[in-house]
Protein backbone atom coordinates (compact mmCIF):
# COMPACT_ATOMS: atom_id res chain seq x y z
CA UNK A 1 104.90 39.20 -104.32
CA UNK A 2 102.50 36.07 -105.14
CA UNK A 3 104.34 33.16 -102.87
CA UNK A 4 103.35 31.37 -106.17
CA UNK A 5 106.87 29.38 -108.23
CA UNK A 6 108.07 30.88 -111.08
CA UNK A 7 107.95 28.13 -113.87
CA UNK A 8 111.52 27.30 -115.51
CA UNK A 9 110.04 28.82 -118.41
CA UNK A 10 109.25 32.08 -116.17
CA UNK A 11 112.51 32.19 -114.45
CA UNK A 12 113.96 31.62 -117.83
CA UNK A 13 112.36 34.99 -118.88
CA UNK A 14 113.28 36.87 -116.13
CA UNK A 15 117.11 35.53 -115.86
CA UNK A 16 117.22 36.93 -119.55
CA UNK A 17 116.11 39.30 -118.61
CA UNK A 18 118.14 40.76 -116.32
CA UNK A 19 121.43 39.67 -117.77
CA UNK A 20 120.96 42.81 -121.15
CA UNK A 21 122.59 45.46 -118.98
CA UNK A 22 119.70 47.90 -120.93
CA UNK A 23 116.18 45.98 -122.34
CA UNK A 24 114.63 48.64 -123.87
CA UNK A 25 112.19 45.58 -125.34
CA UNK A 26 111.16 42.66 -123.66
CA UNK A 27 108.32 40.48 -126.56
CA UNK A 28 106.11 37.81 -124.64
CA UNK A 29 104.58 35.67 -126.80
CA UNK A 30 102.69 32.78 -125.02
CA UNK A 31 99.05 31.86 -125.38
CA UNK A 32 96.20 33.33 -122.92
CA UNK A 33 96.31 32.32 -119.64
CA UNK A 34 99.16 31.78 -119.76
CA UNK A 35 100.47 34.44 -116.36
CA UNK A 36 102.88 37.01 -118.85
CA UNK A 37 101.42 39.42 -116.67
CA UNK A 38 102.47 37.75 -114.06
CA UNK A 39 105.84 36.36 -115.26
CA UNK A 40 106.05 40.21 -116.22
CA UNK A 41 105.21 41.63 -113.13
CA UNK A 42 107.90 39.41 -111.72
CA UNK A 43 110.23 41.19 -114.40
CA UNK A 44 109.30 44.59 -113.30
CA UNK A 45 110.35 44.01 -109.69
CA UNK A 46 113.49 42.42 -110.81
CA UNK A 47 114.82 45.36 -112.54
CA UNK A 48 114.04 48.28 -110.08
CA UNK A 49 115.03 46.15 -107.42
CA UNK A 50 118.65 46.74 -109.47
CA UNK A 51 118.42 50.38 -110.35
CA UNK A 52 115.02 52.01 -109.21
CA UNK A 53 115.45 54.82 -111.38
CA UNK A 54 114.63 52.39 -114.74
CA UNK A 55 111.24 53.36 -116.34
CA UNK A 56 109.44 50.61 -117.44
CA UNK A 57 106.32 51.05 -119.47
CA UNK A 58 103.96 47.83 -119.84
CA UNK A 59 102.38 47.51 -123.25
CA UNK A 60 99.81 44.99 -123.65
CA UNK A 61 96.42 44.76 -126.60
CA UNK A 62 93.65 45.54 -125.00
CA UNK A 63 92.44 47.75 -122.51
CA UNK A 64 91.06 45.33 -120.16
CA UNK A 65 94.71 43.79 -119.51
CA UNK A 66 96.04 47.35 -118.85
CA UNK A 67 94.13 48.00 -116.12
CA UNK A 68 94.27 44.55 -114.44
CA UNK A 69 98.46 45.21 -115.41
CA UNK A 70 97.79 48.60 -114.41
CA UNK A 71 97.01 46.73 -110.17
CA UNK A 72 99.42 44.18 -110.17
CA UNK A 73 102.45 46.42 -111.38
CA UNK A 74 105.40 47.75 -109.06
CA UNK A 75 103.63 51.55 -109.16
CA UNK A 76 106.50 52.57 -111.20
CA UNK A 77 105.63 50.93 -114.19
CA UNK A 78 103.19 52.71 -116.46
CA UNK A 79 100.41 49.88 -117.60
CA UNK A 80 99.06 50.74 -121.14
CA UNK A 81 97.53 49.95 -124.50
CA UNK A 82 99.73 50.50 -128.04
CA UNK A 83 96.61 52.38 -128.27
């Protein structure tokens, strides 16, 4: 885990995701470079900490982002494009 501190908005995303007993779909809409992947890595880590058997698929719009996410996400997370 990075030593980077979450912004209030990023922490709110993690908090909301953890309040839902089952999180079937999480959609984050933000501008390029706003640390969406970083935030979702923190969400994935929190969900897996709560239940190691949680299945997570991280969907992005292009292959480059999917490849980057594969490097950053916990190994249990499947990162891919919508295609």
